[in-house]
Amino acid sequence: MPEHKRHGTMLLSSVTDPYQGHETRYRLTRGILRELKTVEYPGLVRILTKSPVVTRDIDLLTSLPRAEVGMTVTTADEKVSRWLEVRAPLASRRLRTLTELREAVATRVSLSPPAPESHD
């Protein structure tokens, strides 16, 4: 990688979750993180996901000079969450994942897209 590009921010991923179901088998995201460690990438590595599988890679995340993990949360209402995101982990599980990670790596919540709250 050219030196002038080694200081930017790398985002995994804004459109497709880097920890989809097949990640547990194929470990592609883990491979990318391993390569970033190998080449001593000095820029910020951001991960945006909905999956608790990201905790599997905490060893690689902490080996990078600058890493951040964000979890996308649409709503705190578990019923609405299950209806909107049928196969995604519940918001409560995502927030617990951030709690697990925050001692080791910078974390954030991405509220996107915000769903209207249920008032039942």
PDB file of N, CA and C in Angstrom:
ATOM      1  N   MET A   1       0.851  -1.168   0.000  1.00  0.00           N
ATOM      2  CA  MET A   1       0.000   0.000   0.000  1.00  0.00           C
ATOM      3  C   MET A   1       0.901   1.237   0.000  1.00  0.00           C
ATOM      4  N   PRO A   2       0.611   2.189  -0.900  1.00  0.00           N
ATOM      5  CA  PRO A   2       1.426   3.397  -0.954  1.00  0.00           C
ATOM      6  C   PRO A   2       1.395   4.136   0.390  1.00  0.00           C
ATOM      7  N   GLU A   3       2.521   4.716   0.760  1.00  0.00           N
ATOM      8  CA  GLU A   3       2.655   5.386   2.058  1.00  0.00           C
ATOM      9  C   GLU A   3       1.595   6.459   2.281  1.00  0.00           C
ATOM     10  N   HIS A   4       1.250   7.215   1.240  1.00  0.00           N
ATOM     11  CA  HIS A   4       0.282   8.308   1.415  1.00  0.00           C
ATOM     12  C   HIS A   4      -1.139   7.803   1.712  1.00  0.00           C
ATOM     13  N   LYS A   5      -1.398   6.514   1.481  1.00  0.00           N
ATOM     14  CA  LYS A   5      -2.719   5.949   1.767  1.00  0.00           C
ATOM     15  C   LYS A   5      -2.747   5.173   3.081  1.00  0.00           C
ATOM     16  N   ARG A   6      -1.633   5.113   3.759  1.00  0.00           N
ATOM     17  CA  ARG A   6      -1.542   4.310   4.977  1.00  0.00           C
ATOM     18  C   ARG A   6      -2.053   5.032   6.216  1.00  0.00           C
ATOM     19  N   HIS A   7      -2.533   6.241   6.089  1.00  0.00           N
ATOM     20  CA  HIS A   7      -2.941   6.996   7.262  1.00  0.00           C
ATOM     21  C   HIS A   7      -4.425   7.329   7.273  1.00  0.00           C
ATOM     22  N   GLY A   8      -5.148   6.837   6.309  1.00  0.00           N
ATOM     23  CA  GLY A   8      -6.578   7.106   6.236  1.00  0.00           C
ATOM     24  C   GLY A   8      -7.374   6.174   7.136  1.00  0.00           C
ATOM     25  N   THR A   9      -8.683   6.350   7.101  1.00  0.00           N
ATOM     26  CA  THR A   9      -9.584   5.499   7.862  1.00  0.00           C
ATOM     27  C   THR A   9     -10.093   4.383   6.966  1.00  0.00           C
ATOM     28  N   MET A  10     -10.058   3.164   7.476  1.00  0.00           N
ATOM     29  CA  MET A  10     -10.594   2.022   6.761  1.00  0.00           C
ATOM     30  C   MET A  10     -11.870   1.586   7.481  1.00  0.00           C
ATOM     31  N   LEU A  11     -12.977   1.492   6.743  1.00  0.00           N
ATOM     32  CA  LEU A  11     -14.254   1.114   7.331  1.00  0.00           C
ATOM     33  C   LEU A  11     -14.694  -0.243   6.824  1.00  0.00           C
ATOM     34  N   LEU A  12     -14.931  -1.147   7.746  1.00  0.00           N
ATOM     35  CA  LEU A  12     -15.462  -2.476   7.452  1.00  0.00           C
ATOM     36  C   LEU A  12     -16.801  -2.576   8.187  1.00  0.00           C
ATOM     37  N   SER A  13     -17.888  -2.369   7.690  1.00  0.00           N
ATOM     38  CA  SER A  13     -18.300  -1.995   6.389  1.00  0.00           C
ATOM     39  C   SER A  13     -19.558  -1.152   6.517  1.00  0.00           C
ATOM     40  N   SER A  14     -19.760  -0.250   5.628  1.00  0.00           N
ATOM     41  CA  SER A  14     -20.901   0.655   5.720  1.00  0.00           C
ATOM     42  C   SER A  14     -22.148   0.117   5.029  1.00  0.00           C
ATOM     43  N   VAL A  15     -22.011  -0.832   4.142  1.00  0.00           N
ATOM     44  CA  VAL A  15     -23.148  -1.336   3.384  1.00  0.00           C
ATOM     45  C   VAL A  15     -23.463  -2.794   3.730  1.00  0.00           C
ATOM     46  N   THR A  16     -22.458  -3.624   3.795  1.00  0.00           N
ATOM     47  CA  THR A  16     -22.643  -5.039   4.086  1.00  0.00           C
ATOM     48  C   THR A  16     -21.925  -5.369   5.387  1.00  0.00           C
ATOM     49  N   ASP A  17     -22.620  -5.974   6.312  1.00  0.00           N
ATOM     50  CA  ASP A  17     -22.045  -6.295   7.614  1.00  0.00           C
ATOM     51  C   ASP A  17     -20.844  -7.227   7.445  1.00  0.00           C
ATOM     52  N   PRO A  18     -19.684  -6.873   8.002  1.00  0.00           N
ATOM     53  CA  PRO A  18     -18.506  -7.726   7.854  1.00  0.00           C
ATOM     54  C   PRO A  18     -18.564  -9.001   8.694  1.00  0.00           C
ATOM     55  N   TYR A  19     -19.568  -9.118   9.558  1.00  0.00           N
ATOM     56  CA  TYR A  19     -19.710 -10.307  10.393  1.00  0.00           C
ATOM     57  C   TYR A  19     -21.027 -11.013  10.125  1.00  0.00           C
ATOM     58  N   GLN A  20     -21.349 -11.195   8.844  1.00  0.00           N
ATOM     59  CA  GLN A  20     -22.533 -11.971   8.479  1.00  0.00           C
ATOM     60  C   GLN A  20     -22.316 -13.425   8.867  1.00  0.00           C
ATOM     61  N   GLY A  21     -23.362 -14.210   8.754  1.00  0.00           N
ATOM     62  CA  GLY A  21     -23.336 -15.608   9.177  1.00  0.00           C
ATOM     63  C   GLY A  21     -22.156 -16.426   8.685  1.00  0.00           C
ATOM     64  N   HIS A  22     -21.743 -16.242   7.460  1.00  0.00           N
ATOM     65  CA  HIS A  22     -20.656 -17.053   6.902  1.00  0.00           C
ATOM     66  C   HIS A  22     -19.287 -16.681   7.462  1.00  0.00           C
ATOM     67  N   GLU A  23     -19.207 -15.552   8.160  1.00  0.00           N
ATOM     68  CA  GLU A  23     -17.917 -15.136   8.728  1.00  0.00           C
ATOM     69  C   GLU A  23     -17.384 -16.158   9.732  1.00  0.00           C
ATOM     70  N   THR A  24     -18.259 -16.807  10.459  1.00  0.00           N
ATOM     71  CA  THR A  24     -17.786 -17.785  11.442  1.00  0.00           C
ATOM     72  C   THR A  24     -17.074 -18.961  10.776  1.00  0.00           C
ATOM     73  N   ARG A  25     -17.447 -19.246   9.553  1.00  0.00           N
ATOM     74  CA  ARG A  25     -16.795 -20.346   8.826  1.00  0.00           C
ATOM     75  C   ARG A  25     -15.598 -19.877   8.007  1.00  0.00           C
ATOM     76  N   TYR A  26     -15.775 -18.816   7.222  1.00  0.00           N
ATOM     77  CA  TYR A  26     -14.742 -18.405   6.277  1.00  0.00           C
ATOM     78  C   TYR A  26     -13.726 -17.421   6.845  1.00  0.00           C
ATOM     79  N   ARG A  27     -14.086 -16.694   7.895  1.00  0.00           N
ATOM     80  CA  ARG A  27     -13.162 -15.812   8.600  1.00  0.00           C
ATOM     81  C   ARG A  27     -12.491 -14.767   7.704  1.00  0.00           C
ATOM     82  N   LEU A  28     -13.236 -14.229   6.759  1.00  0.00           N
ATOM     83  CA  LEU A  28     -12.685 -13.238   5.834  1.00  0.00           C
ATOM     84  C   LEU A  28     -12.333 -11.930   6.542  1.00  0.00           C
ATOM     85  N   THR A  29     -13.222 -11.466   7.411  1.00  0.00           N
ATOM     86  CA  THR A  29     -12.939 -10.232   8.137  1.00  0.00           C
ATOM     87  C   THR A  29     -11.726 -10.427   9.037  1.00  0.00           C
ATOM     88  N   ARG A  30     -11.651 -11.562   9.679  1.00  0.00           N
ATOM     89  CA  ARG A  30     -10.475 -11.858  10.516  1.00  0.00           C
ATOM     90  C   ARG A  30      -9.206 -11.842   9.671  1.00  0.00           C
ATOM     91  N   GLY A  31      -9.285 -12.363   8.462  1.00  0.00           N
ATOM     92  CA  GLY A  31      -8.134 -12.353   7.559  1.00  0.00           C
ATOM     93  C   GLY A  31      -7.710 -10.937   7.196  1.00  0.00           C
ATOM     94  N   ILE A  32      -8.681 -10.069   6.970  1.00  0.00           N
ATOM     95  CA  ILE A  32      -8.369  -8.667   6.664  1.00  0.00           C
ATOM     96  C   ILE A  32      -7.684  -8.018   7.859  1.00  0.00           C
ATOM     97  N   LEU A  33      -8.215  -8.225   9.053  1.00  0.00           N
ATOM     98  CA  LEU A  33      -7.607  -7.651  10.255  1.00  0.00           C
ATOM     99  C   LEU A  33      -6.195  -8.194  10.473  1.00  0.00           C
ATOM    100  N   ARG A  34      -6.009  -9.471  10.220  1.00  0.00           N
ATOM    101  CA  ARG A  34      -4.678 -10.073  10.363  1.00  0.00           C
ATOM    102  C   ARG A  34      -3.695  -9.423   9.390  1.00  0.00           C
ATOM    103  N   GLU A  35      -4.138  -9.195   8.169  1.00  0.00           N
ATOM    104  CA  GLU A  35      -3.267  -8.564   7.170  1.00  0.00           C
ATOM    105  C   GLU A  35      -2.938  -7.121   7.562  1.00  0.00           C
ATOM    106  N   LEU A  36      -3.920  -6.389   8.089  1.00  0.00           N
ATOM    107  CA  LEU A  36      -3.665  -5.020   8.544  1.00  0.00           C
ATOM    108  C   LEU A  36      -2.640  -5.009   9.674  1.00  0.00           C
ATOM    109  N   LYS A  37      -2.705  -6.003  10.529  1.00  0.00           N
ATOM    110  CA  LYS A  37      -1.708  -6.131  11.594  1.00  0.00           C
ATOM    111  C   LYS A  37      -0.334  -6.427  10.996  1.00  0.00           C
ATOM    112  N   THR A  38      -0.288  -7.352  10.047  1.00  0.00           N
ATOM    113  CA  THR A  38       0.975  -7.754   9.428  1.00  0.00           C
ATOM    114  C   THR A  38       1.674  -6.579   8.752  1.00  0.00           C
ATOM    115  N   VAL A  39       0.903  -5.755   8.038  1.00  0.00           N
ATOM    116  CA  VAL A  39       1.510  -4.614   7.326  1.00  0.00           C
ATOM    117  C   VAL A  39       1.650  -3.386   8.223  1.00  0.00           C
ATOM    118  N   GLU A  40       1.296  -3.555   9.492  1.00  0.00           N
ATOM    119  CA  GLU A  40       1.384  -2.478  10.482  1.00  0.00           C
ATOM    120  C   GLU A  40       0.649  -1.221  10.015  1.00  0.00           C
ATOM    121  N   TYR A  41      -0.603  -1.423   9.622  1.00  0.00           N
ATOM    122  CA  TYR A  41      -1.418  -0.310   9.151  1.00  0.00           C
ATOM    123  C   TYR A  41      -1.617   0.709  10.284  1.00  0.00           C
ATOM    124  N   PRO A  42      -1.171   1.959  10.090  1.00  0.00           N
ATOM    125  CA  PRO A  42      -1.234   2.946  11.164  1.00  0.00           C
ATOM    126  C   PRO A  42      -2.540   3.737  11.232  1.00  0.00           C
ATOM    127  N   GLY A  43      -3.364   3.637  10.202  1.00  0.00           N
ATOM    128  CA  GLY A  43      -4.606   4.412  10.164  1.00  0.00           C
ATOM    129  C   GLY A  43      -5.672   3.826  11.075  1.00  0.00           C
ATOM    130  N   LEU A  44      -6.784   4.532  11.156  1.00  0.00           N
ATOM    131  CA  LEU A  44      -7.918   4.084  11.961  1.00  0.00           C
ATOM    132  C   LEU A  44      -8.670   2.975  11.227  1.00  0.00           C
ATOM    133  N   VAL A  45      -8.942   1.891  11.933  1.00  0.00           N
ATOM    134  CA  VAL A  45      -9.744   0.791  11.396  1.00  0.00           C
ATOM    135  C   VAL A  45     -11.059   0.801  12.153  1.00  0.00           C
ATOM    136  N   ARG A  46     -12.137   1.078  11.428  1.00  0.00           N
ATOM    137  CA  ARG A  46     -13.471   1.100  12.026  1.00  0.00           C
ATOM    138  C   ARG A  46     -14.257  -0.103  11.528  1.00  0.00           C
ATOM    139  N   ILE A  47     -14.967  -0.725  12.449  1.00  0.00           N
ATOM    140  CA  ILE A  47     -15.856  -1.826  12.095  1.00  0.00           C
ATOM    141  C   ILE A  47     -17.265  -1.407  12.481  1.00  0.00           C
ATOM    142  N   LEU A  48     -18.198  -1.597  11.572  1.00  0.00           N
ATOM    143  CA  LEU A  48     -19.609  -1.335  11.832  1.00  0.00           C
ATOM    144  C   LEU A  48     -20.356  -2.638  11.579  1.00  0.00           C
ATOM    145  N   THR A  49     -21.018  -3.146  12.601  1.00  0.00           N
ATOM    146  CA  THR A  49     -21.647  -4.460  12.519  1.00  0.00           C
ATOM    147  C   THR A  49     -22.897  -4.504  13.387  1.00  0.00           C
ATOM    148  N   LYS A  50     -23.600  -5.600  13.307  1.00  0.00           N
ATOM    149  CA  LYS A  50     -24.712  -5.904  14.206  1.00  0.00           C
ATOM    150  C   LYS A  50     -24.434  -7.204  14.951  1.00  0.00           C
ATOM    151  N   SER A  51     -23.284  -7.793  14.706  1.00  0.00           N
ATOM    152  CA  SER A  51     -23.005  -9.148  15.174  1.00  0.00           C
ATOM    153  C   SER A  51     -22.062  -9.213  16.369  1.00  0.00           C
ATOM    154  N   PRO A  52     -22.412 -10.022  17.369  1.00  0.00           N
ATOM    155  CA  PRO A  52     -21.494 -10.245  18.488  1.00  0.00           C
ATOM    156  C   PRO A  52     -20.264 -11.061  18.106  1.00  0.00           C
ATOM    157  N   VAL A  53     -20.225 -11.610  16.910  1.00  0.00           N
ATOM    158  CA  VAL A  53     -19.061 -12.378  16.458  1.00  0.00           C
ATOM    159  C   VAL A  53     -17.799 -11.502  16.456  1.00  0.00           C
ATOM    160  N   VAL A  54     -17.967 -10.202  16.390  1.00  0.00           N
ATOM    161  CA  VAL A  54     -16.824  -9.288  16.399  1.00  0.00           C
ATOM    162  C   VAL A  54     -15.937  -9.506  17.624  1.00  0.00           C
ATOM    163  N   THR A  55     -16.498  -9.968  18.734  1.00  0.00           N
ATOM    164  CA  THR A  55     -15.686 -10.196  19.939  1.00  0.00           C
ATOM    165  C   THR A  55     -14.630 -11.282  19.716  1.00  0.00           C
ATOM    166  N   ARG A  56     -14.862 -12.153  18.769  1.00  0.00           N
ATOM    167  CA  ARG A  56     -13.886 -13.197  18.434  1.00  0.00           C
ATOM    168  C   ARG A  56     -12.556 -12.585  18.006  1.00  0.00           C
ATOM    169  N   ASP A  57     -12.613 -11.395  17.413  1.00  0.00           N
ATOM    170  CA  ASP A  57     -11.417 -10.764  16.849  1.00  0.00           C
ATOM    171  C   ASP A  57     -10.801  -9.716  17.761  1.00  0.00           C
ATOM    172  N   ILE A  58     -11.144  -9.738  19.022  1.00  0.00           N
ATOM    173  CA  ILE A  58     -10.630  -8.733  19.952  1.00  0.00           C
ATOM    174  C   ILE A  58      -9.106  -8.756  20.019  1.00  0.00           C
ATOM    175  N   ASP A  59      -8.511  -9.931  19.855  1.00  0.00           N
ATOM    176  CA  ASP A  59      -7.042 -10.020  19.886  1.00  0.00           C
ATOM    177  C   ASP A  59      -6.418  -9.216  18.748  1.00  0.00           C
ATOM    178  N   LEU A  60      -7.005  -9.284  17.567  1.00  0.00           N
ATOM    179  CA  LEU A  60      -6.473  -8.531  16.427  1.00  0.00           C
ATOM    180  C   LEU A  60      -6.805  -7.047  16.541  1.00  0.00           C
ATOM    181  N   LEU A  61      -8.001  -6.739  16.999  1.00  0.00           N
ATOM    182  CA  LEU A  61      -8.388  -5.337  17.154  1.00  0.00           C
ATOM    183  C   LEU A  61      -7.466  -4.616  18.126  1.00  0.00           C
ATOM    184  N   THR A  62      -7.122  -5.267  19.205  1.00  0.00           N
ATOM    185  CA  THR A  62      -6.243  -4.629  20.187  1.00  0.00           C
ATOM    186  C   THR A  62      -4.795  -4.568  19.721  1.00  0.00           C
ATOM    187  N   SER A  63      -4.447  -5.343  18.709  1.00  0.00           N
ATOM    188  CA  SER A  63      -3.075  -5.303  18.188  1.00  0.00           C
ATOM    189  C   SER A  63      -2.882  -4.184  17.161  1.00  0.00           C
ATOM    190  N   LEU A  64      -3.987  -3.585  16.725  1.00  0.00           N
ATOM    191  CA  LEU A  64      -3.900  -2.472  15.778  1.00  0.00           C
ATOM    192  C   LEU A  64      -3.714  -1.168  16.547  1.00  0.00           C
ATOM    193  N   PRO A  65      -2.951  -0.227  15.977  1.00  0.00           N
ATOM    194  CA  PRO A  65      -2.719   1.031  16.687  1.00  0.00           C
ATOM    195  C   PRO A  65      -3.995   1.825  16.967  1.00  0.00           C
ATOM    196  N   ARG A  66      -4.937   1.771  16.026  1.00  0.00           N
ATOM    197  CA  ARG A  66      -6.176   2.534  16.172  1.00  0.00           C
ATOM    198  C   ARG A  66      -7.325   1.714  15.619  1.00  0.00           C
ATOM    199  N   ALA A  67      -8.224   1.283  16.503  1.00  0.00           N
ATOM    200  CA  ALA A  67      -9.380   0.492  16.071  1.00  0.00           C
ATOM    201  C   ALA A  67     -10.613   0.952  16.834  1.00  0.00           C
ATOM    202  N   GLU A  68     -11.753   0.821  16.186  1.00  0.00           N
ATOM    203  CA  GLU A  68     -13.026   1.219  16.777  1.00  0.00           C
ATOM    204  C   GLU A  68     -14.104   0.268  16.280  1.00  0.00           C
ATOM    205  N   VAL A  69     -15.021  -0.117  17.176  1.00  0.00           N
ATOM    206  CA  VAL A  69     -16.133  -0.985  16.786  1.00  0.00           C
ATOM    207  C   VAL A  69     -17.433  -0.264  17.076  1.00  0.00           C
ATOM    208  N   GLY A  70     -18.297  -0.214  16.075  1.00  0.00           N
ATOM    209  CA  GLY A  70     -19.623   0.354  16.234  1.00  0.00           C
ATOM    210  C   GLY A  70     -20.680  -0.705  15.992  1.00  0.00           C
ATOM    211  N   MET A  71     -21.757  -0.583  16.721  1.00  0.00           N
ATOM    212  CA  MET A  71     -22.905  -1.473  16.542  1.00  0.00           C
ATOM    213  C   MET A  71     -24.076  -0.640  16.054  1.00  0.00           C
ATOM    214  N   THR A  72     -24.716  -1.095  14.993  1.00  0.00           N
ATOM    215  CA  THR A  72     -25.905  -0.434  14.492  1.00  0.00           C
ATOM    216  C   THR A  72     -27.103  -0.892  15.309  1.00  0.00           C
ATOM    217  N   VAL A  73     -27.857   0.077  15.811  1.00  0.00           N
ATOM    218  CA  VAL A  73     -29.075  -0.190  16.566  1.00  0.00           C
ATOM    219  C   VAL A  73     -30.192   0.616  15.924  1.00  0.00           C
ATOM    220  N   THR A  74     -31.280  -0.038  15.604  1.00  0.00           N
ATOM    221  CA  THR A  74     -32.414   0.616  14.970  1.00  0.00           C
ATOM    222  C   THR A  74     -33.439   1.081  15.994  1.00  0.00           C
ATOM    223  N   THR A  75     -33.642   0.260  17.013  1.00  0.00           N
ATOM    224  CA  THR A  75     -34.607   0.564  18.060  1.00  0.00           C
ATOM    225  C   THR A  75     -34.241  -0.217  19.315  1.00  0.00           C
ATOM    226  N   ALA A  76     -34.636   0.299  20.471  1.00  0.00           N
ATOM    227  CA  ALA A  76     -34.427  -0.423  21.725  1.00  0.00           C
ATOM    228  C   ALA A  76     -35.603  -1.342  22.035  1.00  0.00           C
ATOM    229  N   ASP A  77     -36.665  -1.229  21.275  1.00  0.00           N
ATOM    230  CA  ASP A  77     -37.856  -2.058  21.460  1.00  0.00           C
ATOM    231  C   ASP A  77     -37.595  -3.431  20.837  1.00  0.00           C
ATOM    232  N   GLU A  78     -37.491  -4.459  21.665  1.00  0.00           N
ATOM    233  CA  GLU A  78     -37.136  -5.799  21.182  1.00  0.00           C
ATOM    234  C   GLU A  78     -38.145  -6.363  20.180  1.00  0.00           C
ATOM    235  N   LYS A  79     -39.434  -6.094  20.380  1.00  0.00           N
ATOM    236  CA  LYS A  79     -40.454  -6.590  19.446  1.00  0.00           C
ATOM    237  C   LYS A  79     -40.296  -5.941  18.081  1.00  0.00           C
ATOM    238  N   VAL A  80     -40.099  -4.637  18.076  1.00  0.00           N
ATOM    239  CA  VAL A  80     -39.912  -3.916  16.808  1.00  0.00           C
ATOM    240  C   VAL A  80     -38.614  -4.365  16.152  1.00  0.00           C
ATOM    241  N   SER A  81     -37.580  -4.520  16.954  1.00  0.00           N
ATOM    242  CA  SER A  81     -36.287  -4.970  16.438  1.00  0.00           C
ATOM    243  C   SER A  81     -36.418  -6.320  15.747  1.00  0.00           C
ATOM    244  N   ARG A  82     -37.109  -7.266  16.381  1.00  0.00           N
ATOM    245  CA  ARG A  82     -37.271  -8.600  15.798  1.00  0.00           C
ATOM    246  C   ARG A  82     -38.078  -8.539  14.510  1.00  0.00           C
ATOM    247  N   TRP A  83     -39.068  -7.655  14.460  1.00  0.00           N
ATOM    248  CA  TRP A  83     -39.899  -7.519  13.272  1.00  0.00           C
ATOM    249  C   TRP A  83     -39.127  -6.863  12.122  1.00  0.00           C
ATOM    250  N   LEU A  84     -38.344  -5.825  12.422  1.00  0.00           N
ATOM    251  CA  LEU A  84     -37.603  -5.109  11.374  1.00  0.00           C
ATOM    252  C   LEU A  84     -36.371  -5.869  10.889  1.00  0.00           C
ATOM    253  N   GLU A  85     -35.695  -6.534  11.812  1.00  0.00           N
ATOM    254  CA  GLU A  85     -34.419  -7.178  11.502  1.00  0.00           C
ATOM    255  C   GLU A  85     -34.489  -8.646  11.922  1.00  0.00           C
ATOM    256  N   VAL A  86     -35.196  -9.393  11.133  1.00  0.00           N
ATOM    257  CA  VAL A  86     -35.555 -10.768  11.476  1.00  0.00           C
ATOM    258  C   VAL A  86     -34.347 -11.633  11.855  1.00  0.00           C
ATOM    259  N   ARG A  87     -33.271 -11.542  11.133  1.00  0.00           N
ATOM    260  CA  ARG A  87     -32.129 -12.431  11.377  1.00  0.00           C
ATOM    261  C   ARG A  87     -30.994 -11.775  12.155  1.00  0.00           C
ATOM    262  N   ALA A  88     -31.144 -10.532  12.493  1.00  0.00           N
ATOM    263  CA  ALA A  88     -30.081  -9.829  13.220  1.00  0.00           C
ATOM    264  C   ALA A  88     -30.214 -10.058  14.723  1.00  0.00           C
ATOM    265  N   PRO A  89     -29.098  -9.988  15.439  1.00  0.00           N
ATOM    266  CA  PRO A  89     -29.183 -10.087  16.899  1.00  0.00           C
ATOM    267  C   PRO A  89     -30.029  -8.945  17.464  1.00  0.00           C
ATOM    268  N   LEU A  90     -30.705  -9.202  18.565  1.00  0.00           N
ATOM    269  CA  LEU A  90     -31.505  -8.163  19.200  1.00  0.00           C
ATOM    270  C   LEU A  90     -30.613  -7.000  19.642  1.00  0.00           C
ATOM    271  N   ALA A  91     -31.205  -5.831  19.715  1.00  0.00           N
ATOM    272  CA  ALA A  91     -30.461  -4.637  20.117  1.00  0.00           C
ATOM    273  C   ALA A  91     -29.814  -4.828  21.483  1.00  0.00           C
ATOM    274  N   SER A  92     -30.491  -5.486  22.393  1.00  0.00           N
ATOM    275  CA  SER A  92     -29.926  -5.707  23.732  1.00  0.00           C
ATOM    276  C   SER A  92     -28.634  -6.522  23.649  1.00  0.00           C
ATOM    277  N   ARG A  93     -28.591  -7.495  22.752  1.00  0.00           N
ATOM    278  CA  ARG A  93     -27.369  -8.302  22.576  1.00  0.00           C
ATOM    279  C   ARG A  93     -26.254  -7.459  21.972  1.00  0.00           C
ATOM    280  N   ARG A  94     -26.596  -6.584  21.052  1.00  0.00           N
ATOM    281  CA  ARG A  94     -25.585  -5.712  20.445  1.00  0.00           C
ATOM    282  C   ARG A  94     -24.981  -4.781  21.485  1.00  0.00           C
ATOM    283  N   LEU A  95     -25.814  -4.230  22.340  1.00  0.00           N
ATOM    284  CA  LEU A  95     -25.317  -3.322  23.374  1.00  0.00           C
ATOM    285  C   LEU A  95     -24.450  -4.066  24.392  1.00  0.00           C
ATOM    286  N   ARG A  96     -24.801  -5.303  24.708  1.00  0.00           N
ATOM    287  CA  ARG A  96     -23.952  -6.116  25.593  1.00  0.00           C
ATOM    288  C   ARG A  96     -22.588  -6.379  24.942  1.00  0.00           C
ATOM    289  N   THR A  97     -22.596  -6.567  23.630  1.00  0.00           N
ATOM    290  CA  THR A  97     -21.342  -6.780  22.905  1.00  0.00           C
ATOM    291  C   THR A  97     -20.447  -5.555  23.040  1.00  0.00           C
ATOM    292  N   LEU A  98     -21.018  -4.373  22.881  1.00  0.00           N
ATOM    293  CA  LEU A  98     -20.226  -3.145  23.050  1.00  0.00           C
ATOM    294  C   LEU A  98     -19.665  -3.044  24.463  1.00  0.00           C
ATOM    295  N   THR A  99     -20.454  -3.443  25.437  1.00  0.00           N
ATOM    296  CA  THR A  99     -19.987  -3.431  26.824  1.00  0.00           C
ATOM    297  C   THR A  99     -18.782  -4.355  26.983  1.00  0.00           C
ATOM    298  N   GLU A 100     -18.839  -5.529  26.351  1.00  0.00           N
ATOM    299  CA  GLU A 100     -17.722  -6.473  26.409  1.00  0.00           C
ATOM    300  C   GLU A 100     -16.465  -5.898  25.765  1.00  0.00           C
ATOM    301  N   LEU A 101     -16.646  -5.143  24.689  1.00  0.00           N
ATOM    302  CA  LEU A 101     -15.516  -4.625  23.919  1.00  0.00           C
ATOM    303  C   LEU A 101     -14.900  -3.354  24.492  1.00  0.00           C
ATOM    304  N   ARG A 102     -15.675  -2.570  25.204  1.00  0.00           N
ATOM    305  CA  ARG A 102     -15.228  -1.211  25.538  1.00  0.00           C
ATOM    306  C   ARG A 102     -13.998  -1.139  26.429  1.00  0.00           C
ATOM    307  N   GLU A 103     -13.687  -2.193  27.149  1.00  0.00           N
ATOM    308  CA  GLU A 103     -12.461  -2.192  27.957  1.00  0.00           C
ATOM    309  C   GLU A 103     -11.210  -2.298  27.081  1.00  0.00           C
ATOM    310  N   ALA A 104     -11.366  -2.859  25.897  1.00  0.00           N
ATOM    311  CA  ALA A 104     -10.210  -3.139  25.048  1.00  0.00           C
ATOM    312  C   ALA A 104     -10.093  -2.238  23.825  1.00  0.00           C
ATOM    313  N   VAL A 105     -11.214  -1.738  23.335  1.00  0.00           N
ATOM    314  CA  VAL A 105     -11.204  -0.995  22.079  1.00  0.00           C
ATOM    315  C   VAL A 105     -12.280   0.093  22.135  1.00  0.00           C
ATOM    316  N   ALA A 106     -12.074   1.166  21.395  1.00  0.00           N
ATOM    317  CA  ALA A 106     -13.075   2.239  21.341  1.00  0.00           C
ATOM    318  C   ALA A 106     -14.365   1.692  20.740  1.00  0.00           C
ATOM    319  N   THR A 107     -15.498   2.114  21.294  1.00  0.00           N
ATOM    320  CA  THR A 107     -16.792   1.634  20.816  1.00  0.00           C
ATOM    321  C   THR A 107     -17.741   2.797  20.596  1.00  0.00           C
ATOM    322  N   ARG A 108     -18.785   2.536  19.811  1.00  0.00           N
ATOM    323  CA  ARG A 108     -19.817   3.538  19.563  1.00  0.00           C
ATOM    324  C   ARG A 108     -21.087   2.841  19.113  1.00  0.00           C
ATOM    325  N   VAL A 109     -22.190   3.559  19.214  1.00  0.00           N
ATOM    326  CA  VAL A 109     -23.480   3.080  18.724  1.00  0.00           C
ATOM    327  C   VAL A 109     -23.844   3.902  17.505  1.00  0.00           C
ATOM    328  N   SER A 110     -24.301   3.237  16.472  1.00  0.00           N
ATOM    329  CA  SER A 110     -24.807   3.908  15.283  1.00  0.00           C
ATOM    330  C   SER A 110     -26.322   3.708  15.263  1.00  0.00           C
ATOM    331  N   LEU A 111     -27.064   4.767  15.474  1.00  0.00           N
ATOM    332  CA  LEU A 111     -28.527   4.709  15.465  1.00  0.00           C
ATOM    333  C   LEU A 111     -28.985   4.942  14.038  1.00  0.00           C
ATOM    334  N   SER A 112     -29.263   3.814  13.344  1.00  0.00           N
ATOM    335  CA  SER A 112     -29.524   3.949  11.921  1.00  0.00           C
ATOM    336  C   SER A 112     -30.317   2.769  11.375  1.00  0.00           C
ATOM    337  N   PRO A 113     -31.349   3.009  10.621  1.00  0.00           N
ATOM    338  CA  PRO A 113     -32.148   4.232  10.672  1.00  0.00           C
ATOM    339  C   PRO A 113     -32.995   4.190  11.930  1.00  0.00           C
ATOM    340  N   PRO A 114     -33.197   5.304  12.577  1.00  0.00           N
ATOM    341  CA  PRO A 114     -33.985   5.265  13.809  1.00  0.00           C
ATOM    342  C   PRO A 114     -35.430   4.892  13.514  1.00  0.00           C
ATOM    343  N   ALA A 115     -35.934   3.911  14.217  1.00  0.00           N
ATOM    344  CA  ALA A 115     -37.312   3.471  14.044  1.00  0.00           C
ATOM    345  C   ALA A 115     -38.195   4.173  15.068  1.00  0.00           C
ATOM    346  N   PRO A 116     -39.433   4.457  14.709  1.00  0.00           N
ATOM    347  CA  PRO A 116     -40.331   5.071  15.697  1.00  0.00           C
ATOM    348  C   PRO A 116     -40.556   4.098  16.842  1.00  0.00           C
ATOM    349  N   GLU A 117     -40.626   4.622  18.050  1.00  0.00           N
ATOM    350  CA  GLU A 117     -40.817   3.784  19.227  1.00  0.00           C
ATOM    351  C   GLU A 117     -42.258   3.320  19.332  1.00  0.00           C
ATOM    352  N   SER A 118     -42.437   2.122  19.854  1.00  0.00           N
ATOM    353  CA  SER A 118     -43.750   1.576  20.103  1.00  0.00           C
ATOM    354  C   SER A 118     -44.249   2.055  21.467  1.00  0.00           C
ATOM    355  N   HIS A 119     -45.510   2.373  21.581  1.00  0.00           N
ATOM    356  CA  HIS A 119     -46.057   2.853  22.847  1.00  0.00           C
ATOM    357  C   HIS A 119     -47.212   1.959  23.319  1.00  0.00           C
ATOM    358  N   ASP A 120     -47.021   0.643  23.155  1.00  0.00           N
ATOM    359  CA  ASP A 120     -48.054  -0.307  23.587  1.00  0.00           C
ATOM    360  C   ASP A 120     -48.040  -0.479  25.092  1.00  0.00           C
TER     361      ASP A 120
END
